[in-house]
């Protein structure tokens, strides 16, 4: 079973150009609809989801959120964990409708109800307080303008004993590529400009998450 809903807001405070990022995602959804380059995102999602099995064996997580779901890597990785941890409903939340729906026709794990929700990133999450038992986010938060606000919203929609599991690019990711760009541009143009998105430093992530409230870093 699946449903689709749409949520938006006109208020923005941009570091990244949201329209450009969504255009990139839409183009990727159309050009690579066969999923030939999904392997990295799928592997990261598998590892993120698998961490839920480390939580107390008796605890179940019937309602789950996939924040920034992209093409659905978490949904594809959730099969065993859904059965083991009692997940029976997954809300996929993504800003790019084409990417969200790219693999919508694929079979869901047995007994799992999936909703497909289109949402303008960094606005209020379109769910009531204390809705979810677990929230996942895999390989999407590194393009968010206001991470503290997003973490606060995750905290709001999680139940008091809820769990947040996420993975994002950060720290020294792509450092070799950054260095290569800098050396080449310095040699040919006599100066250096930025060619890669800025990443949050590893040392800052814990503080950003804990600053959101009752989310604890493990």
N, C-alpha and C. Protein backbone atom coordinates (compact mmCIF):
# COMPACT_ATOMS: atom_id res chain seq x y z
N UNK A 1 0.84 -1.19 0.00
CA UNK A 1 0.00 0.00 0.00
C UNK A 1 0.88 1.24 0.00
N UNK A 2 0.45 2.28 -0.68
CA UNK A 2 1.23 3.51 -0.72
C UNK A 2 0.32 4.70 -0.93
N UNK A 3 0.75 5.86 -0.44
CA UNK A 3 0.03 7.10 -0.64
C UNK A 3 1.01 8.19 -0.98
N UNK A 4 0.54 9.27 -1.60
CA UNK A 4 1.40 10.40 -1.96
C UNK A 4 0.77 11.69 -1.47
N UNK A 5 1.57 12.56 -0.85
CA UNK A 5 1.08 13.84 -0.36
C UNK A 5 2.13 14.91 -0.67
N UNK A 6 1.71 16.20 -0.57
CA UNK A 6 2.57 17.31 -0.95
C UNK A 6 2.54 18.38 0.15
N UNK A 7 3.73 18.89 0.51
CA UNK A 7 3.83 19.91 1.53
C UNK A 7 4.85 20.95 1.06
N UNK A 8 4.56 22.24 1.30
CA UNK A 8 5.49 23.28 0.85
C UNK A 8 5.38 24.50 1.73
N UNK A 9 6.34 25.42 1.55
CA UNK A 9 6.35 26.71 2.24
C UNK A 9 7.13 27.69 1.40
N UNK A 10 6.81 28.97 1.51
CA UNK A 10 7.51 29.99 0.72
C UNK A 10 8.67 30.62 1.48
N UNK A 11 8.86 30.26 2.76
CA UNK A 11 9.91 30.88 3.57
C UNK A 11 11.22 30.12 3.38
N UNK A 12 12.30 30.87 3.09
CA UNK A 12 13.59 30.23 2.86
C UNK A 12 14.72 31.08 3.43
N UNK A 13 15.78 30.41 3.82
CA UNK A 13 17.01 31.06 4.24
C UNK A 13 18.14 30.23 3.67
N UNK A 14 18.57 30.55 2.45
CA UNK A 14 19.38 29.62 1.68
C UNK A 14 20.88 29.86 1.79
N UNK A 15 21.60 28.77 1.97
CA UNK A 15 23.03 28.70 1.69
C UNK A 15 23.20 28.00 0.36
N UNK A 16 22.55 26.84 0.23
CA UNK A 16 22.48 26.14 -1.04
C UNK A 16 21.26 26.65 -1.82
N UNK A 17 21.37 26.61 -3.14
CA UNK A 17 20.25 26.98 -4.00
C UNK A 17 19.32 25.77 -4.12
N UNK A 18 18.20 25.83 -3.44
CA UNK A 18 17.29 24.69 -3.38
C UNK A 18 16.75 24.34 -4.76
N UNK A 19 16.40 25.36 -5.58
CA UNK A 19 15.87 25.08 -6.90
C UNK A 19 16.90 24.36 -7.76
N UNK A 20 18.16 24.78 -7.65
CA UNK A 20 19.22 24.13 -8.43
C UNK A 20 19.43 22.70 -7.96
N UNK A 21 19.43 22.47 -6.65
CA UNK A 21 19.63 21.12 -6.13
C UNK A 21 18.48 20.20 -6.54
N UNK A 22 17.26 20.71 -6.47
CA UNK A 22 16.12 19.89 -6.90
C UNK A 22 16.17 19.60 -8.39
N UNK A 23 16.65 20.58 -9.18
CA UNK A 23 16.80 20.36 -10.62
C UNK A 23 17.84 19.28 -10.88
N UNK A 24 18.94 19.28 -10.12
CA UNK A 24 19.96 18.24 -10.25
C UNK A 24 19.37 16.87 -9.95
N UNK A 25 18.57 16.80 -8.88
CA UNK A 25 17.97 15.52 -8.49
C UNK A 25 16.97 15.05 -9.55
N UNK A 26 16.20 15.97 -10.08
CA UNK A 26 15.22 15.59 -11.10
C UNK A 26 15.92 15.08 -12.35
N UNK A 27 16.99 15.75 -12.74
CA UNK A 27 17.75 15.31 -13.91
C UNK A 27 18.35 13.92 -13.68
N UNK A 28 18.88 13.69 -12.48
CA UNK A 28 19.45 12.38 -12.16
C UNK A 28 18.39 11.30 -12.19
N UNK A 29 17.18 11.62 -11.70
CA UNK A 29 16.10 10.64 -11.70
C UNK A 29 15.71 10.24 -13.12
N UNK A 30 15.76 11.19 -14.04
CA UNK A 30 15.37 10.92 -15.42
C UNK A 30 16.49 10.25 -16.21
N UNK A 31 17.73 10.67 -15.98
CA UNK A 31 18.85 10.16 -16.76
C UNK A 31 19.29 8.77 -16.30
N UNK A 32 19.17 8.50 -15.02
CA UNK A 32 19.69 7.24 -14.47
C UNK A 32 18.56 6.46 -13.80
N UNK A 33 17.46 6.33 -14.51
CA UNK A 33 16.28 5.66 -13.96
C UNK A 33 16.52 4.16 -13.72
N UNK A 34 17.58 3.62 -14.32
CA UNK A 34 17.87 2.20 -14.11
C UNK A 34 18.65 1.94 -12.83
N UNK A 35 19.03 3.02 -12.12
CA UNK A 35 19.70 2.85 -10.84
C UNK A 35 21.14 2.40 -10.91
N UNK A 36 21.80 2.62 -12.05
CA UNK A 36 23.15 2.09 -12.23
C UNK A 36 24.18 2.70 -11.26
N UNK A 37 23.88 3.90 -10.73
CA UNK A 37 24.83 4.55 -9.83
C UNK A 37 24.30 4.62 -8.39
N UNK A 38 23.39 3.74 -8.04
CA UNK A 38 22.78 3.78 -6.71
C UNK A 38 23.59 3.03 -5.66
N UNK A 39 24.63 2.32 -6.08
CA UNK A 39 25.27 1.36 -5.18
C UNK A 39 25.81 1.99 -3.91
N UNK A 40 26.39 3.21 -4.00
CA UNK A 40 26.93 3.83 -2.80
C UNK A 40 25.81 4.22 -1.84
N UNK A 41 24.79 4.89 -2.36
CA UNK A 41 23.66 5.28 -1.51
C UNK A 41 22.98 4.06 -0.91
N UNK A 42 22.84 3.00 -1.70
CA UNK A 42 22.18 1.79 -1.20
C UNK A 42 23.00 1.14 -0.09
N UNK A 43 24.31 1.12 -0.26
CA UNK A 43 25.16 0.50 0.76
C UNK A 43 25.14 1.31 2.06
N UNK A 44 25.21 2.63 1.96
CA UNK A 44 25.15 3.47 3.16
C UNK A 44 23.81 3.28 3.86
N UNK A 45 22.71 3.26 3.10
CA UNK A 45 21.39 3.06 3.69
C UNK A 45 21.30 1.70 4.39
N UNK A 46 21.86 0.68 3.78
CA UNK A 46 21.84 -0.65 4.41
C UNK A 46 22.53 -0.62 5.76
N UNK A 47 23.65 0.07 5.84
CA UNK A 47 24.38 0.14 7.11
C UNK A 47 23.62 0.97 8.15
N UNK A 48 23.00 2.06 7.70
CA UNK A 48 22.22 2.89 8.62
C UNK A 48 21.06 2.09 9.20
N UNK A 49 20.30 1.44 8.34
CA UNK A 49 19.14 0.67 8.79
C UNK A 49 19.57 -0.48 9.70
N UNK A 50 20.69 -1.11 9.38
CA UNK A 50 21.15 -2.26 10.16
C UNK A 50 21.48 -1.87 11.60
N UNK A 51 21.85 -0.62 11.83
CA UNK A 51 22.17 -0.18 13.19
C UNK A 51 20.97 -0.28 14.12
N UNK A 52 19.76 -0.26 13.56
CA UNK A 52 18.57 -0.37 14.40
C UNK A 52 18.51 -1.73 15.09
N UNK A 53 19.11 -2.73 14.49
CA UNK A 53 19.11 -4.06 15.09
C UNK A 53 20.00 -4.13 16.33
N UNK A 54 20.82 -3.10 16.56
CA UNK A 54 21.66 -3.07 17.76
C UNK A 54 20.90 -2.55 18.97
N UNK A 55 19.71 -1.97 18.74
CA UNK A 55 18.90 -1.48 19.84
C UNK A 55 18.28 -2.67 20.56
N UNK A 56 17.90 -2.48 21.82
CA UNK A 56 17.32 -3.54 22.65
C UNK A 56 16.40 -4.46 21.86
N UNK A 57 16.63 -5.77 21.89
CA UNK A 57 15.85 -6.72 21.09
C UNK A 57 14.35 -6.63 21.32
N UNK A 58 13.94 -6.26 22.53
CA UNK A 58 12.51 -6.24 22.84
C UNK A 58 11.81 -5.00 22.30
N UNK A 59 12.57 -3.96 21.94
CA UNK A 59 11.93 -2.72 21.51
C UNK A 59 11.54 -2.79 20.04
N UNK A 60 10.32 -2.33 19.74
CA UNK A 60 9.81 -2.33 18.38
C UNK A 60 9.61 -0.89 17.90
N UNK A 61 9.63 -0.71 16.59
CA UNK A 61 9.55 0.62 15.97
C UNK A 61 8.51 0.60 14.85
N UNK A 62 7.23 0.58 15.18
CA UNK A 62 6.20 0.38 14.15
C UNK A 62 6.10 1.48 13.10
N UNK A 63 6.37 2.74 13.46
CA UNK A 63 6.21 3.84 12.51
C UNK A 63 7.57 4.50 12.29
N UNK A 64 8.02 4.55 11.03
CA UNK A 64 9.35 5.05 10.69
C UNK A 64 9.26 6.19 9.69
N UNK A 65 10.25 7.08 9.77
CA UNK A 65 10.39 8.21 8.83
C UNK A 65 11.72 8.07 8.10
N UNK A 66 11.69 8.27 6.78
CA UNK A 66 12.92 8.35 5.98
C UNK A 66 13.03 9.78 5.49
N UNK A 67 13.87 10.58 6.14
CA UNK A 67 13.99 12.01 5.88
C UNK A 67 14.99 12.26 4.76
N UNK A 68 14.51 12.82 3.64
CA UNK A 68 15.36 12.99 2.47
C UNK A 68 15.58 11.65 1.81
N UNK A 69 14.49 11.00 1.40
CA UNK A 69 14.54 9.58 1.01
C UNK A 69 15.19 9.33 -0.34
N UNK A 70 15.38 10.40 -1.15
CA UNK A 70 15.94 10.22 -2.49
C UNK A 70 15.11 9.19 -3.25
N UNK A 71 15.75 8.15 -3.83
CA UNK A 71 15.02 7.16 -4.62
C UNK A 71 14.52 5.98 -3.80
N UNK A 72 14.75 6.01 -2.49
CA UNK A 72 14.21 4.95 -1.64
C UNK A 72 15.20 3.92 -1.18
N UNK A 73 16.45 4.30 -0.95
CA UNK A 73 17.46 3.33 -0.51
C UNK A 73 17.09 2.71 0.84
N UNK A 74 16.55 3.52 1.75
CA UNK A 74 16.17 2.98 3.05
C UNK A 74 15.05 1.96 2.90
N UNK A 75 14.07 2.27 2.06
CA UNK A 75 12.97 1.33 1.84
C UNK A 75 13.49 0.00 1.31
N UNK A 76 14.44 0.07 0.39
CA UNK A 76 14.98 -1.16 -0.19
C UNK A 76 15.83 -1.95 0.82
N UNK A 77 16.37 -1.25 1.81
CA UNK A 77 17.26 -1.91 2.77
C UNK A 77 16.53 -2.42 4.01
N UNK A 78 15.26 -2.11 4.12
CA UNK A 78 14.58 -2.27 5.40
C UNK A 78 13.94 -3.63 5.60
N UNK A 79 14.01 -4.51 4.64
CA UNK A 79 13.24 -5.76 4.65
C UNK A 79 13.43 -6.56 5.94
N UNK A 80 14.64 -7.02 6.20
CA UNK A 80 14.89 -7.84 7.39
C UNK A 80 14.62 -7.03 8.66
N UNK A 81 15.10 -5.80 8.69
CA UNK A 81 14.94 -4.97 9.88
C UNK A 81 13.48 -4.69 10.17
N UNK A 82 12.67 -4.50 9.11
CA UNK A 82 11.24 -4.25 9.31
C UNK A 82 10.59 -5.40 10.04
N UNK A 83 10.95 -6.61 9.69
CA UNK A 83 10.39 -7.78 10.36
C UNK A 83 10.95 -7.92 11.77
N UNK A 84 12.26 -7.71 11.90
CA UNK A 84 12.92 -7.92 13.18
C UNK A 84 12.51 -6.87 14.22
N UNK A 85 12.31 -5.63 13.78
CA UNK A 85 12.02 -4.53 14.70
C UNK A 85 10.58 -4.03 14.59
N UNK A 86 9.72 -4.76 13.91
CA UNK A 86 8.30 -4.46 13.92
C UNK A 86 7.89 -3.23 13.15
N UNK A 87 8.66 -2.81 12.14
CA UNK A 87 8.28 -1.64 11.34
C UNK A 87 7.16 -2.04 10.38
N UNK A 88 6.02 -1.37 10.48
CA UNK A 88 4.91 -1.68 9.57
C UNK A 88 4.46 -0.49 8.74
N UNK A 89 5.02 0.71 9.03
CA UNK A 89 4.70 1.87 8.20
C UNK A 89 5.94 2.75 8.04
N UNK A 90 6.24 3.11 6.79
CA UNK A 90 7.40 3.95 6.48
C UNK A 90 6.93 5.17 5.70
N UNK A 91 7.23 6.36 6.22
CA UNK A 91 6.94 7.61 5.51
C UNK A 91 8.23 8.06 4.81
N UNK A 92 8.22 8.06 3.48
CA UNK A 92 9.34 8.59 2.71
C UNK A 92 9.09 10.07 2.44
N UNK A 93 10.04 10.91 2.81
CA UNK A 93 9.89 12.36 2.68
C UNK A 93 11.02 12.90 1.82
N UNK A 94 10.69 13.52 0.70
CA UNK A 94 11.70 13.94 -0.29
C UNK A 94 11.22 15.20 -1.00
N UNK A 95 12.16 16.09 -1.34
CA UNK A 95 11.81 17.35 -2.00
C UNK A 95 11.60 17.21 -3.50
N UNK A 96 12.22 16.20 -4.13
CA UNK A 96 12.13 16.02 -5.58
C UNK A 96 11.15 14.89 -5.89
N UNK A 97 10.01 15.25 -6.46
CA UNK A 97 8.97 14.25 -6.72
C UNK A 97 9.43 13.18 -7.70
N UNK A 98 10.18 13.59 -8.74
CA UNK A 98 10.64 12.62 -9.74
C UNK A 98 11.55 11.57 -9.11
N UNK A 99 12.43 12.00 -8.22
CA UNK A 99 13.34 11.07 -7.56
C UNK A 99 12.57 10.20 -6.57
N UNK A 100 11.65 10.79 -5.83
CA UNK A 100 10.85 10.05 -4.86
C UNK A 100 10.08 8.92 -5.53
N UNK A 101 9.54 9.19 -6.71
CA UNK A 101 8.68 8.22 -7.39
C UNK A 101 9.41 7.32 -8.38
N UNK A 102 10.73 7.50 -8.51
CA UNK A 102 11.47 6.76 -9.54
C UNK A 102 11.30 5.25 -9.40
N UNK A 103 11.39 4.75 -8.19
CA UNK A 103 11.29 3.30 -7.96
C UNK A 103 10.00 2.93 -7.23
N UNK A 104 9.00 3.78 -7.36
CA UNK A 104 7.76 3.58 -6.62
C UNK A 104 7.08 2.27 -6.97
N UNK A 105 7.27 1.80 -8.19
CA UNK A 105 6.61 0.58 -8.63
C UNK A 105 7.23 -0.70 -8.09
N UNK A 106 8.38 -0.60 -7.44
CA UNK A 106 9.02 -1.79 -6.91
C UNK A 106 8.22 -2.35 -5.73
N UNK A 107 8.33 -3.64 -5.53
CA UNK A 107 7.63 -4.28 -4.43
C UNK A 107 8.14 -3.79 -3.08
N UNK A 108 7.22 -3.64 -2.14
CA UNK A 108 7.59 -3.30 -0.77
C UNK A 108 7.80 -4.58 0.03
N UNK A 109 8.60 -4.50 1.08
CA UNK A 109 8.69 -5.66 1.97
C UNK A 109 7.29 -6.05 2.46
N UNK A 110 7.06 -7.32 2.62
CA UNK A 110 5.73 -7.80 3.01
C UNK A 110 5.30 -7.19 4.34
N UNK A 111 4.07 -6.68 4.37
CA UNK A 111 3.53 -6.10 5.59
C UNK A 111 3.92 -4.66 5.84
N UNK A 112 4.68 -4.05 4.94
CA UNK A 112 5.13 -2.67 5.13
C UNK A 112 4.29 -1.72 4.29
N UNK A 113 3.64 -0.77 4.93
CA UNK A 113 2.90 0.28 4.23
C UNK A 113 3.82 1.48 4.02
N UNK A 114 3.87 1.99 2.80
CA UNK A 114 4.78 3.09 2.46
C UNK A 114 3.99 4.28 1.95
N UNK A 115 4.29 5.46 2.47
CA UNK A 115 3.72 6.70 1.94
C UNK A 115 4.83 7.51 1.28
N UNK A 116 4.49 8.22 0.21
CA UNK A 116 5.43 9.02 -0.56
C UNK A 116 5.03 10.49 -0.41
N UNK A 117 5.78 11.23 0.41
CA UNK A 117 5.43 12.60 0.75
C UNK A 117 6.44 13.57 0.16
N UNK A 118 5.95 14.53 -0.63
CA UNK A 118 6.79 15.56 -1.23
C UNK A 118 6.80 16.77 -0.30
N UNK A 119 8.00 17.24 0.03
CA UNK A 119 8.16 18.25 1.08
C UNK A 119 9.27 19.21 0.70
N UNK A 120 9.05 20.49 0.94
CA UNK A 120 10.09 21.49 0.69
C UNK A 120 11.06 21.48 1.86
N UNK A 121 12.30 21.14 1.58
CA UNK A 121 13.29 20.94 2.63
C UNK A 121 13.43 22.16 3.53
N UNK A 122 13.72 21.85 4.81
CA UNK A 122 14.02 22.85 5.83
C UNK A 122 12.81 23.62 6.31
N UNK A 123 11.62 23.27 5.86
CA UNK A 123 10.40 23.80 6.45
C UNK A 123 9.97 22.84 7.56
N UNK A 124 8.95 23.20 8.27
CA UNK A 124 8.44 22.36 9.35
C UNK A 124 8.04 21.00 8.79
N UNK A 125 8.46 19.94 9.45
CA UNK A 125 8.08 18.60 9.01
C UNK A 125 6.56 18.45 9.11
N UNK A 126 5.93 17.89 8.10
CA UNK A 126 4.46 17.87 8.03
C UNK A 126 3.82 16.75 8.84
N UNK A 127 4.27 16.61 10.09
CA UNK A 127 3.76 15.55 10.95
C UNK A 127 3.53 16.11 12.35
N UNK A 128 2.64 15.47 13.08
CA UNK A 128 2.36 15.89 14.45
C UNK A 128 3.53 15.55 15.37
N UNK A 129 3.55 16.19 16.53
CA UNK A 129 4.56 15.89 17.54
C UNK A 129 4.49 14.42 17.94
N UNK A 130 5.66 13.86 18.22
CA UNK A 130 5.78 12.50 18.75
C UNK A 130 5.03 11.47 17.90
N UNK A 131 5.26 11.54 16.58
CA UNK A 131 4.62 10.62 15.64
C UNK A 131 5.42 9.34 15.43
N UNK A 132 6.76 9.46 15.37
CA UNK A 132 7.59 8.36 14.88
C UNK A 132 8.36 7.66 15.98
N UNK A 133 8.53 6.35 15.79
CA UNK A 133 9.35 5.55 16.68
C UNK A 133 10.82 5.60 16.26
N UNK A 134 11.07 5.77 14.96
CA UNK A 134 12.44 5.85 14.46
C UNK A 134 12.46 6.77 13.24
N UNK A 135 13.52 7.55 13.11
CA UNK A 135 13.73 8.39 11.93
C UNK A 135 15.09 8.05 11.32
N UNK A 136 15.08 7.77 10.02
CA UNK A 136 16.31 7.52 9.27
C UNK A 136 16.59 8.72 8.37
N UNK A 137 17.86 8.96 8.09
CA UNK A 137 18.23 9.90 7.04
C UNK A 137 19.57 9.45 6.46
N UNK A 138 19.57 9.14 5.18
CA UNK A 138 20.77 8.57 4.57
C UNK A 138 21.19 9.37 3.34
N UNK A 139 22.34 10.02 3.44
CA UNK A 139 22.99 10.71 2.31
C UNK A 139 22.16 11.85 1.74
N UNK A 140 21.54 12.66 2.59
CA UNK A 140 20.81 13.82 2.08
C UNK A 140 21.04 15.08 2.92
N UNK A 141 21.41 14.95 4.18
CA UNK A 141 21.49 16.12 5.06
C UNK A 141 22.66 17.04 4.74
N UNK A 142 23.64 16.59 3.96
CA UNK A 142 24.79 17.46 3.65
C UNK A 142 24.41 18.59 2.70
N UNK A 143 23.18 18.58 2.15
CA UNK A 143 22.71 19.67 1.29
C UNK A 143 21.66 20.53 1.98
N UNK A 144 21.54 20.41 3.27
CA UNK A 144 20.55 21.18 4.02
C UNK A 144 21.16 22.51 4.47
N UNK A 145 20.38 23.57 4.32
CA UNK A 145 20.87 24.89 4.72
C UNK A 145 20.93 25.06 6.23
N UNK A 146 19.92 24.61 6.94
CA UNK A 146 19.79 24.87 8.38
C UNK A 146 19.70 23.55 9.13
N UNK A 147 20.84 22.93 9.39
CA UNK A 147 20.85 21.64 10.08
C UNK A 147 20.28 21.72 11.49
N UNK A 148 20.60 22.74 12.30
CA UNK A 148 20.00 22.78 13.64
C UNK A 148 18.48 22.76 13.60
N UNK A 149 17.89 23.47 12.66
CA UNK A 149 16.43 23.48 12.56
C UNK A 149 15.89 22.11 12.19
N UNK A 150 16.56 21.44 11.26
CA UNK A 150 16.12 20.10 10.85
C UNK A 150 16.21 19.13 12.02
N UNK A 151 17.30 19.18 12.78
CA UNK A 151 17.44 18.29 13.93
C UNK A 151 16.38 18.60 15.00
N UNK A 152 16.05 19.86 15.17
CA UNK A 152 14.98 20.22 16.10
C UNK A 152 13.64 19.63 15.65
N UNK A 153 13.40 19.66 14.35
CA UNK A 153 12.16 19.10 13.83
C UNK A 153 12.13 17.57 13.98
N UNK A 154 13.28 16.93 13.75
CA UNK A 154 13.36 15.49 13.97
C UNK A 154 13.04 15.17 15.43
N UNK A 155 13.61 15.95 16.32
CA UNK A 155 13.35 15.77 17.75
C UNK A 155 11.86 15.93 18.05
N UNK A 156 11.23 16.88 17.40
CA UNK A 156 9.80 17.14 17.66
C UNK A 156 8.92 15.98 17.24
N UNK A 157 9.19 15.38 16.08
CA UNK A 157 8.30 14.35 15.56
C UNK A 157 8.63 12.96 16.10
N UNK A 158 9.77 12.81 16.79
CA UNK A 158 10.10 11.52 17.41
C UNK A 158 9.37 11.37 18.74
N UNK A 159 8.96 10.16 19.03
CA UNK A 159 8.41 9.86 20.34
C UNK A 159 9.51 9.99 21.40
N UNK A 160 9.15 10.16 22.68
CA UNK A 160 10.17 10.38 23.71
C UNK A 160 11.27 9.33 23.75
N UNK A 161 10.94 8.08 23.41
CA UNK A 161 11.97 7.04 23.39
C UNK A 161 12.35 6.67 21.96
N UNK A 162 12.11 7.59 21.02
CA UNK A 162 12.41 7.34 19.61
C UNK A 162 13.90 7.37 19.33
N UNK A 163 14.27 6.86 18.14
CA UNK A 163 15.67 6.75 17.74
C UNK A 163 15.87 7.45 16.39
N UNK A 164 16.96 8.21 16.28
CA UNK A 164 17.36 8.82 15.00
C UNK A 164 18.66 8.18 14.54
N UNK A 165 18.67 7.69 13.29
CA UNK A 165 19.86 7.10 12.70
C UNK A 165 20.12 7.77 11.35
N UNK A 166 21.31 8.33 11.17
CA UNK A 166 21.57 9.05 9.94
C UNK A 166 23.01 8.94 9.48
N UNK A 167 23.21 9.26 8.20
CA UNK A 167 24.55 9.31 7.62
C UNK A 167 24.57 10.43 6.59
N UNK A 168 25.64 11.18 6.58
CA UNK A 168 25.78 12.30 5.64
C UNK A 168 27.26 12.49 5.30
N UNK A 169 27.52 13.15 4.18
CA UNK A 169 28.89 13.51 3.84
C UNK A 169 29.34 14.66 4.74
N UNK A 170 30.59 14.63 5.15
CA UNK A 170 31.08 15.69 6.02
C UNK A 170 32.58 15.58 6.21
N UNK A 171 33.11 16.46 7.03
CA UNK A 171 34.52 16.41 7.39
C UNK A 171 35.43 16.59 6.18
N UNK A 172 36.32 15.64 5.98
CA UNK A 172 37.33 15.70 4.91
C UNK A 172 36.91 14.93 3.66
N UNK A 173 35.62 14.69 3.50
CA UNK A 173 35.13 13.99 2.31
C UNK A 173 35.60 14.69 1.04
N UNK A 174 36.06 13.92 0.07
CA UNK A 174 36.52 14.44 -1.23
C UNK A 174 37.71 15.39 -1.10
N UNK A 175 38.53 15.20 -0.05
CA UNK A 175 39.65 16.11 0.16
C UNK A 175 40.64 16.05 -1.00
N UNK A 176 40.84 14.85 -1.57
CA UNK A 176 41.78 14.73 -2.69
C UNK A 176 41.29 15.53 -3.89
N UNK A 177 39.97 15.49 -4.15
CA UNK A 177 39.42 16.25 -5.26
C UNK A 177 39.55 17.75 -5.01
N UNK A 178 39.30 18.17 -3.78
CA UNK A 178 39.47 19.59 -3.44
C UNK A 178 40.90 20.04 -3.70
N UNK A 179 41.86 19.23 -3.26
CA UNK A 179 43.27 19.57 -3.44
C UNK A 179 43.64 19.65 -4.91
N UNK A 180 43.14 18.71 -5.70
CA UNK A 180 43.44 18.70 -7.13
C UNK A 180 42.91 19.95 -7.82
N UNK A 181 41.66 20.31 -7.48
CA UNK A 181 41.08 21.54 -8.02
C UNK A 181 41.94 22.75 -7.67
N UNK A 182 42.34 22.82 -6.39
CA UNK A 182 43.10 23.98 -5.92
C UNK A 182 44.44 24.10 -6.64
N UNK A 183 45.17 22.98 -6.76
CA UNK A 183 46.48 23.00 -7.42
C UNK A 183 46.35 23.39 -8.89
N UNK A 184 45.41 22.77 -9.59
CA UNK A 184 45.23 23.05 -11.01
C UNK A 184 44.82 24.49 -11.26
N UNK A 185 43.90 24.99 -10.44
CA UNK A 185 43.41 26.35 -10.65
C UNK A 185 44.49 27.39 -10.30
N UNK A 186 45.27 27.09 -9.25
CA UNK A 186 46.34 28.00 -8.87
C UNK A 186 47.38 28.09 -9.98
N UNK A 187 47.70 26.96 -10.60
CA UNK A 187 48.70 26.94 -11.67
C UNK A 187 48.21 27.64 -12.92
N UNK A 188 46.95 27.48 -13.26
CA UNK A 188 46.46 27.97 -14.55
C UNK A 188 45.83 29.36 -14.47
N UNK A 189 45.26 29.69 -13.29
CA UNK A 189 44.54 30.96 -13.20
C UNK A 189 45.08 31.87 -12.11
N UNK A 190 46.01 31.37 -11.31
CA UNK A 190 46.61 32.20 -10.28
C UNK A 190 45.73 32.45 -9.07
N UNK A 191 44.71 31.66 -8.88
CA UNK A 191 43.82 31.82 -7.74
C UNK A 191 43.00 30.56 -7.53
N UNK A 192 42.28 30.53 -6.43
CA UNK A 192 41.50 29.35 -6.08
C UNK A 192 40.07 29.76 -5.77
N UNK A 193 39.12 29.00 -6.29
CA UNK A 193 37.71 29.21 -5.97
C UNK A 193 37.09 27.87 -5.57
N UNK A 194 35.91 27.92 -4.98
CA UNK A 194 35.27 26.70 -4.48
C UNK A 194 34.54 25.97 -5.60
N UNK A 195 34.75 24.66 -5.69
CA UNK A 195 34.05 23.84 -6.69
C UNK A 195 33.18 22.77 -6.04
N UNK A 196 33.28 22.60 -4.72
CA UNK A 196 32.53 21.58 -4.01
C UNK A 196 31.69 22.21 -2.92
N UNK A 197 30.60 21.56 -2.58
CA UNK A 197 29.75 22.06 -1.51
C UNK A 197 30.51 22.06 -0.19
N UNK A 198 30.25 23.02 0.69
CA UNK A 198 30.87 22.99 2.02
C UNK A 198 30.29 21.85 2.84
N UNK A 199 31.12 21.23 3.66
CA UNK A 199 30.68 20.12 4.51
C UNK A 199 30.83 20.51 5.98
N UNK A 200 29.96 19.98 6.80
CA UNK A 200 30.05 20.17 8.24
C UNK A 200 31.23 19.37 8.76
N UNK A 201 32.01 19.95 9.67
CA UNK A 201 33.14 19.23 10.26
C UNK A 201 32.64 18.13 11.20
N UNK A 202 33.36 17.04 11.24
CA UNK A 202 32.98 15.91 12.10
C UNK A 202 32.77 16.36 13.55
N UNK A 203 33.64 17.24 14.01
CA UNK A 203 33.59 17.67 15.41
C UNK A 203 32.34 18.49 15.73
N UNK A 204 31.65 18.98 14.71
CA UNK A 204 30.48 19.82 14.94
C UNK A 204 29.17 19.04 14.97
N UNK A 205 29.18 17.85 14.39
CA UNK A 205 27.93 17.09 14.25
C UNK A 205 27.29 16.79 15.60
N UNK A 206 28.09 16.30 16.55
CA UNK A 206 27.54 15.95 17.85
C UNK A 206 26.86 17.12 18.53
N UNK A 207 27.52 18.29 18.48
CA UNK A 207 26.94 19.48 19.10
C UNK A 207 25.65 19.91 18.43
N UNK A 208 25.60 19.82 17.11
CA UNK A 208 24.38 20.20 16.39
C UNK A 208 23.21 19.29 16.76
N UNK A 209 23.49 18.00 16.87
CA UNK A 209 22.43 17.05 17.21
C UNK A 209 21.97 17.25 18.65
N UNK A 210 22.92 17.35 19.58
CA UNK A 210 22.54 17.50 20.97
C UNK A 210 21.86 18.83 21.23
N UNK A 211 22.20 19.85 20.45
CA UNK A 211 21.56 21.14 20.60
C UNK A 211 20.09 21.14 20.21
N UNK A 212 19.66 20.08 19.52
CA UNK A 212 18.26 20.00 19.11
C UNK A 212 17.34 19.61 20.25
N UNK A 213 17.90 19.12 21.36
CA UNK A 213 17.05 18.71 22.48
C UNK A 213 17.41 17.33 22.96
N UNK A 214 16.42 16.45 22.97
CA UNK A 214 16.61 15.13 23.58
C UNK A 214 17.08 14.08 22.58
N UNK A 215 17.90 14.46 21.62
CA UNK A 215 18.55 13.48 20.74
C UNK A 215 19.97 13.29 21.26
N UNK A 216 20.34 12.06 21.53
CA UNK A 216 21.65 11.77 22.10
C UNK A 216 22.54 11.07 21.07
N UNK A 217 23.79 11.42 21.09
CA UNK A 217 24.75 10.88 20.13
C UNK A 217 25.40 9.64 20.70
N UNK A 218 25.39 8.56 19.89
CA UNK A 218 26.03 7.31 20.32
C UNK A 218 27.01 6.86 19.25
